[in-house]
């Protein structure tokens, strides 16, 4: 009896082996791996946009001495900058055109406003765009410009007066977004005038950044020293004078707060007649970043490893 029992057990074991051999083999178990975590890069805010030309109400003119005027505004992805530049355009118009001459222009503009108010209210329900609002605000200045042209024509002046204001994005955002406002005008006289004004913005904090904001604590005197050295080099290189001390009897050095951060260094921009005669144009002093270590706050300086490669030596003056 035990013999048959052993045979029976062996048969069951053999059947189990055969059945397991016929089953399809599954894939080997894979080790579970945690999903790879990809760190999201912080979004970099950049200033982008273009200028748009304002539509100005001026009479048609085909004369050779017709007045020429062109004003553009910035239309960017940062509304707070657009609004700031719009206000600076108005300020420049106010400084270029006489305040006294604005008065008769205001009367004309007021009469035009009354005429517009007399129109059906349905036509006034449209909300004005920022561009249209600026066009309305500058119209009194345009009228003053045209009044000046009439006065010059009455004096038999043959020159054509002109005025141009145009912004431009210079730096898109790192470490500062910079917009330069260019202007030039000729309103009669011996020659015209021009200006370049730079506005620097912190896009994250949405605020204007001034020169004092980028200077390290108690380092303004050192910055002024660096700027004065650049001033002396500029006087000599421009052949304005051989003796800087003598030159300063007429044109004294001063530290400009009109600046921007260029690739090679800090640029200080000056107006006409600010530190030099008219022939000097719009003087500009550049202080290399290598001279500003510890003078400017670290966030406004290039990275140490890149600073040397970004600063290029000034070309040597050619011998004459």
Protein backbone atom coordinates (compact mmCIF):
# COMPACT_ATOMS: atom_id res chain seq x y z
CA UNK A 1 0.00 0.00 0.00
CA UNK A 2 2.77 2.50 0.76
CA UNK A 3 4.22 1.68 -2.63
CA UNK A 4 1.04 2.82 -4.43
CA UNK A 5 0.88 5.91 -2.22
CA UNK A 6 4.37 6.94 -3.26
CA UNK A 7 3.53 6.39 -6.94
CA UNK A 8 0.40 8.57 -6.53
CA UNK A 9 2.37 11.41 -4.90
CA UNK A 10 5.02 11.32 -7.62
CA UNK A 11 2.30 11.53 -10.30
CA UNK A 12 0.79 14.61 -8.67
CA UNK A 13 4.21 16.28 -8.41
CA UNK A 14 5.05 15.51 -12.05
CA UNK A 15 1.70 16.96 -13.19
CA UNK A 16 2.32 20.15 -11.24
CA UNK A 17 5.75 20.54 -12.84
CA UNK A 18 4.30 20.00 -16.33
CA UNK A 19 1.49 22.52 -15.73
CA UNK A 20 3.90 25.20 -14.48
CA UNK A 21 6.13 24.66 -17.52
CA UNK A 22 3.18 25.30 -19.87
CA UNK A 23 2.29 28.64 -18.29
CA UNK A 24 3.55 31.77 -20.19
CA UNK A 25 6.54 33.31 -18.53
CA UNK A 26 5.88 36.80 -17.19
CA UNK A 27 8.41 39.62 -17.38
CA UNK A 28 10.83 39.86 -14.57
CA UNK A 29 9.64 42.31 -11.93
CA UNK A 30 11.06 45.80 -12.47
CA UNK A 31 12.43 47.90 -9.74
CA UNK A 32 10.11 50.78 -8.96
CA UNK A 33 11.72 54.14 -9.58
CA UNK A 34 10.45 57.47 -8.34
CA UNK A 35 9.51 59.94 -11.11
CA UNK A 36 12.31 62.36 -11.91
CA UNK A 37 11.65 65.75 -10.38
CA UNK A 38 12.40 68.59 -12.79
CA UNK A 39 12.92 71.89 -11.09
CA UNK A 40 11.08 74.68 -12.87
CA UNK A 41 13.34 77.57 -13.80
CA UNK A 42 12.21 80.93 -12.45
CA UNK A 43 10.41 83.03 -15.01
CA UNK A 44 12.59 85.82 -16.34
CA UNK A 45 10.70 89.05 -16.84
CA UNK A 46 11.76 90.98 -19.92
CA UNK A 47 10.73 94.32 -21.34
CA UNK A 48 9.50 93.91 -24.90
CA UNK A 49 7.56 96.20 -27.20
CA UNK A 50 7.81 98.79 -29.90
CA UNK A 51 7.06 102.44 -30.49
CA UNK A 52 3.91 103.80 -32.07
CA UNK A 53 3.66 107.13 -33.81
CA UNK A 54 1.10 109.57 -32.48
CA UNK A 55 -1.50 110.99 -34.80
CA UNK A 56 -1.14 114.75 -34.55
CA UNK A 57 -3.63 117.36 -35.68
CA UNK A 58 -1.62 119.66 -37.94
CA UNK A 59 -2.68 121.58 -41.05
CA UNK A 60 -1.59 120.39 -44.46
CA UNK A 61 1.48 122.12 -45.82
CA UNK A 62 3.38 121.76 -49.07
CA UNK A 63 5.85 124.61 -48.60
CA UNK A 64 9.58 123.95 -48.39
CA UNK A 65 9.68 125.52 -44.94
CA UNK A 66 6.81 123.49 -43.48
CA UNK A 67 7.15 122.74 -39.76
CA UNK A 68 8.04 119.12 -39.03
CA UNK A 69 6.97 117.32 -35.88
CA UNK A 70 7.07 113.65 -34.96
CA UNK A 71 6.28 112.16 -31.55
CA UNK A 72 6.24 108.46 -30.70
CA UNK A 73 5.31 106.65 -27.52
CA UNK A 74 6.32 103.29 -26.10
CA UNK A 75 3.86 100.42 -26.35
CA UNK A 76 5.43 97.61 -24.30
CA UNK A 77 4.38 94.65 -22.16
CA UNK A 78 4.93 96.74 -18.99
CA UNK A 79 2.09 99.25 -18.59
CA UNK A 80 3.77 101.07 -15.68
CA UNK A 81 6.75 101.86 -17.94
CA UNK A 82 4.47 103.00 -20.76
CA UNK A 83 2.73 105.41 -18.40
CA UNK A 84 6.02 106.72 -17.03
CA UNK A 85 7.45 107.38 -20.50
CA UNK A 86 4.20 109.11 -21.54
CA UNK A 87 4.62 111.52 -18.63
CA UNK A 88 8.26 112.15 -19.55
CA UNK A 89 7.22 112.99 -23.09
CA UNK A 90 4.83 115.60 -21.70
CA UNK A 91 7.59 116.96 -19.45
CA UNK A 92 9.97 117.29 -22.37
CA UNK A 93 7.37 119.11 -24.43
CA UNK A 94 6.81 121.46 -21.51
CA UNK A 95 10.53 122.21 -21.23
CA UNK A 96 11.07 122.62 -24.97
CA UNK A 97 8.10 124.89 -25.63
CA UNK A 98 7.66 128.07 -23.64
CA UNK A 99 5.10 127.92 -20.83
CA UNK A 100 3.92 131.43 -21.72
CA UNK A 101 3.31 130.37 -25.29
CA UNK A 102 1.13 127.52 -24.06
CA UNK A 103 -1.61 129.89 -22.86
CA UNK A 104 -3.08 130.83 -26.26
CA UNK A 105 -2.77 127.21 -27.27
CA UNK A 106 -4.84 126.16 -24.28
CA UNK A 107 -7.61 128.49 -25.38
CA UNK A 108 -7.63 126.88 -28.82
CA UNK A 109 -7.61 123.40 -27.30
CA UNK A 110 -10.43 124.36 -24.95
CA UNK A 111 -12.58 125.54 -27.82
CA UNK A 112 -11.95 122.25 -29.62
CA UNK A 113 -12.97 120.39 -26.47
CA UNK A 114 -16.22 122.39 -26.29
CA UNK A 115 -16.95 121.51 -29.90
CA UNK A 116 -16.39 117.84 -29.14
CA UNK A 117 -18.63 118.10 -26.07
CA UNK A 118 -21.47 119.44 -28.21
CA UNK A 119 -21.51 116.25 -30.29
CA UNK A 120 -23.98 113.46 -29.49
CA UNK A 121 -23.03 111.64 -26.30
CA UNK A 122 -23.19 108.30 -28.08
CA UNK A 123 -20.03 109.24 -29.96
CA UNK A 124 -18.17 109.84 -26.69
CA UNK A 125 -18.89 106.54 -25.00
CA UNK A 126 -15.77 104.85 -26.44
CA UNK A 127 -12.98 104.56 -23.88
CA UNK A 128 -9.81 106.25 -25.10
CA UNK A 129 -6.69 104.12 -25.42
CA UNK A 130 -3.42 105.26 -23.75
CA UNK A 131 -2.23 106.41 -27.16
CA UNK A 132 -5.37 108.49 -27.72
CA UNK A 133 -5.12 109.96 -24.22
CA UNK A 134 -1.55 111.10 -24.87
CA UNK A 135 -2.56 112.56 -28.22
CA UNK A 136 -5.21 114.66 -26.46
CA UNK A 137 -2.76 115.80 -23.77
CA UNK A 138 -0.09 116.98 -26.18
CA UNK A 139 -2.41 118.82 -28.54
CA UNK A 140 -1.97 122.19 -26.74
CA UNK A 141 1.80 121.84 -27.23
CA UNK A 142 1.28 121.06 -30.90
CA UNK A 143 -0.78 124.20 -31.24
CA UNK A 144 1.99 126.20 -29.55
CA UNK A 145 4.50 124.72 -31.98
CA UNK A 146 2.31 125.81 -34.91
CA UNK A 147 1.82 129.29 -33.38
CA UNK A 148 5.60 129.67 -33.18
CA UNK A 149 5.92 128.70 -36.82
CA UNK A 150 3.43 131.43 -37.79
CA UNK A 151 5.36 134.02 -35.79
CA UNK A 152 8.62 133.08 -37.50
CA UNK A 153 6.97 133.20 -40.91
CA UNK A 154 5.65 136.68 -40.07
CA UNK A 155 9.25 137.72 -39.43
CA UNK A 156 10.16 136.44 -42.89
CA UNK A 157 12.15 133.53 -41.45
CA UNK A 158 12.89 130.94 -44.13
CA UNK A 159 13.99 128.15 -41.82
CA UNK A 160 11.81 125.14 -41.13
CA UNK A 161 11.29 124.44 -37.44
CA UNK A 162 11.19 120.82 -36.28
CA UNK A 163 10.63 118.69 -33.20
CA UNK A 164 11.13 114.95 -32.64
CA UNK A 165 10.66 112.77 -29.55
CA UNK A 166 11.10 109.02 -29.67
CA UNK A 167 11.68 106.35 -26.96
CA UNK A 168 13.65 103.15 -27.49
CA UNK A 169 14.19 100.01 -25.40
CA UNK A 170 17.92 99.75 -24.72
CA UNK A 171 18.12 96.93 -22.15
CA UNK A 172 15.40 94.31 -21.83
CA UNK A 173 15.69 93.53 -18.15
CA UNK A 174 18.93 92.30 -16.58
CA UNK A 175 19.97 93.72 -14.26
CA UNK A 176 17.76 96.68 -15.20
CA UNK A 177 15.37 97.41 -18.04
CA UNK A 178 16.40 100.64 -19.73
CA UNK A 179 14.47 102.97 -22.00
CA UNK A 180 16.18 105.92 -23.65
CA UNK A 181 14.10 108.92 -24.66
CA UNK A 182 15.67 110.71 -27.63
CA UNK A 183 14.65 114.22 -28.56
CA UNK A 184 15.82 116.85 -31.00
CA UNK A 185 14.38 120.16 -32.07
CA UNK A 186 15.07 123.35 -33.97
CA UNK A 187 12.90 126.36 -33.12
CA UNK A 188 14.88 129.03 -34.93
CA UNK A 189 18.17 130.59 -33.96
CA UNK A 190 21.74 129.57 -34.67
CA UNK A 191 21.30 125.83 -34.18
CA UNK A 192 19.05 123.15 -32.84
CA UNK A 193 19.30 121.02 -29.71
CA UNK A 194 19.13 117.36 -28.79
CA UNK A 195 18.99 115.20 -25.67
CA UNK A 196 19.19 111.59 -24.53
CA UNK A 197 17.59 110.68 -21.22
CA UNK A 198 17.82 107.18 -19.75
CA UNK A 199 15.23 105.60 -17.48
CA UNK A 200 16.10 102.39 -15.62
CA UNK A 201 13.49 100.08 -14.16
CA UNK A 202 13.36 97.10 -11.81
CA UNK A 203 10.75 94.92 -13.49
CA UNK A 204 10.08 92.67 -10.49
CA UNK A 205 9.43 95.56 -8.12
CA UNK A 206 7.95 97.73 -10.90
CA UNK A 207 9.81 100.87 -9.94
CA UNK A 208 12.23 103.42 -11.35
CA UNK A 209 15.84 102.91 -10.23
CA UNK A 210 18.03 105.98 -9.73
CA UNK A 211 21.81 106.24 -9.58
CA UNK A 212 21.86 106.41 -5.78
CA UNK A 213 19.94 103.12 -5.68
CA UNK A 214 22.74 101.13 -7.32
CA UNK A 215 25.67 102.63 -5.36
CA UNK A 216 26.99 100.63 -2.41
CA UNK A 217 26.78 102.18 1.06
CA UNK A 218 29.08 105.18 1.52
CA UNK A 219 30.66 104.70 -1.92
CA UNK A 220 29.29 107.71 -3.81
CA UNK A 221 32.47 109.74 -3.24
CA UNK A 222 34.53 106.91 -4.74
CA UNK A 223 32.21 106.76 -7.75
CA UNK A 224 32.61 110.51 -8.21
CA UNK A 225 36.40 110.06 -8.14
CA UNK A 226 36.21 107.38 -10.84
CA UNK A 227 33.93 109.58 -12.91
CA UNK A 228 36.26 112.56 -12.56
CA UNK A 229 39.17 110.48 -13.89
CA UNK A 230 37.02 109.55 -16.89
CA UNK A 231 36.12 113.24 -17.31
CA UNK A 232 39.80 114.27 -17.43
CA UNK A 233 40.55 111.60 -20.03
CA UNK A 234 37.56 112.77 -22.09
CA UNK A 235 38.70 116.42 -22.05
CA UNK A 236 42.17 115.49 -23.30
CA UNK A 237 41.06 112.81 -25.79
CA UNK A 238 38.43 115.19 -27.26
CA UNK A 239 41.14 117.86 -27.65
CA UNK A 240 39.02 120.35 -25.75
CA UNK A 241 42.00 121.40 -23.65
CA UNK A 242 45.46 120.24 -22.61
CA UNK A 243 45.11 121.62 -19.10
CA UNK A 244 42.03 120.15 -17.38
CA UNK A 245 42.24 122.62 -14.49
CA UNK A 246 42.10 125.49 -16.96
CA UNK A 247 39.21 123.83 -18.80
CA UNK A 248 37.24 123.57 -15.56
CA UNK A 249 37.30 127.32 -15.14
CA UNK A 250 34.62 127.38 -17.82
CA UNK A 251 33.20 123.85 -17.65
CA UNK A 252 33.16 122.40 -14.16
CA UNK A 253 32.86 118.64 -13.67
CA UNK A 254 29.73 117.23 -12.05
CA UNK A 255 28.38 113.74 -11.47
CA UNK A 256 25.45 113.07 -13.78
CA UNK A 257 22.48 111.04 -12.55
CA UNK A 258 21.51 110.28 -16.17
CA UNK A 259 22.94 106.76 -16.53
CA UNK A 260 22.59 103.24 -17.83
CA UNK A 261 24.43 99.94 -17.39
CA UNK A 262 26.21 99.06 -20.62
CA UNK A 263 27.98 95.79 -21.41
CA UNK A 264 31.40 97.23 -20.57
CA UNK A 265 30.57 99.53 -17.68
CA UNK A 266 28.52 102.33 -16.17
CA UNK A 267 27.70 105.08 -18.67
CA UNK A 268 27.06 108.63 -17.47
CA UNK A 269 25.23 110.77 -20.01
CA UNK A 270 25.43 114.56 -20.04
CA UNK A 271 23.32 117.22 -21.73
CA UNK A 272 24.54 119.89 -24.11
CA UNK A 273 26.48 122.65 -22.33
CA UNK A 274 26.54 120.61 -19.10
CA UNK A 275 30.26 119.86 -19.00
CA UNK A 276 31.36 121.19 -22.35
CA UNK A 277 30.65 123.63 -25.21
CA UNK A 278 28.11 123.00 -27.96
CA UNK A 279 30.75 121.41 -30.21
CA UNK A 280 31.16 118.67 -27.59
CA UNK A 281 27.63 117.48 -28.37
CA UNK A 282 26.18 115.11 -25.79
CA UNK A 283 29.19 114.09 -23.62
CA UNK A 284 29.27 110.55 -22.32
CA UNK A 285 31.62 109.08 -19.73
CA UNK A 286 32.10 105.33 -19.34
CA UNK A 287 33.54 103.75 -16.17
CA UNK A 288 34.57 100.08 -16.66
CA UNK A 289 33.10 97.55 -14.24
CA UNK A 290 36.59 96.52 -13.12
CA UNK A 291 36.87 99.98 -11.52
CA UNK A 292 33.49 99.65 -9.86
CA UNK A 293 34.02 96.53 -7.77
CA UNK A 294 32.80 97.44 -4.29
CA UNK A 295 31.47 100.77 -5.57
CA UNK A 296 28.25 99.48 -7.10
CA UNK A 297 26.02 96.97 -5.35
CA UNK A 298 26.89 93.36 -6.36
CA UNK A 299 23.59 92.78 -8.17
CA UNK A 300 24.45 95.53 -10.64
CA UNK A 301 27.88 94.15 -11.52
CA UNK A 302 28.64 91.35 -14.00
CA UNK A 303 29.47 87.94 -12.55
CA UNK A 304 33.12 87.80 -11.46
CA UNK A 305 34.07 85.10 -13.95
CA UNK A 306 32.54 87.07 -16.82
CA UNK A 307 33.60 90.54 -15.82
CA UNK A 308 37.07 90.36 -17.36
CA UNK A 309 35.78 88.99 -20.68
CA UNK A 310 33.07 91.63 -20.96
CA UNK A 311 35.42 94.57 -20.47
CA UNK A 312 37.25 95.37 -23.68
CA UNK A 313 40.20 97.76 -23.71
CA UNK A 314 39.61 101.09 -25.39
CA UNK A 315 41.23 101.30 -28.84
CA UNK A 316 44.56 103.08 -28.87
CA UNK A 317 44.54 106.58 -30.34
CA UNK A 318 45.99 106.76 -33.80
CA UNK A 319 49.12 108.80 -34.18
CA UNK A 320 48.84 111.79 -36.46
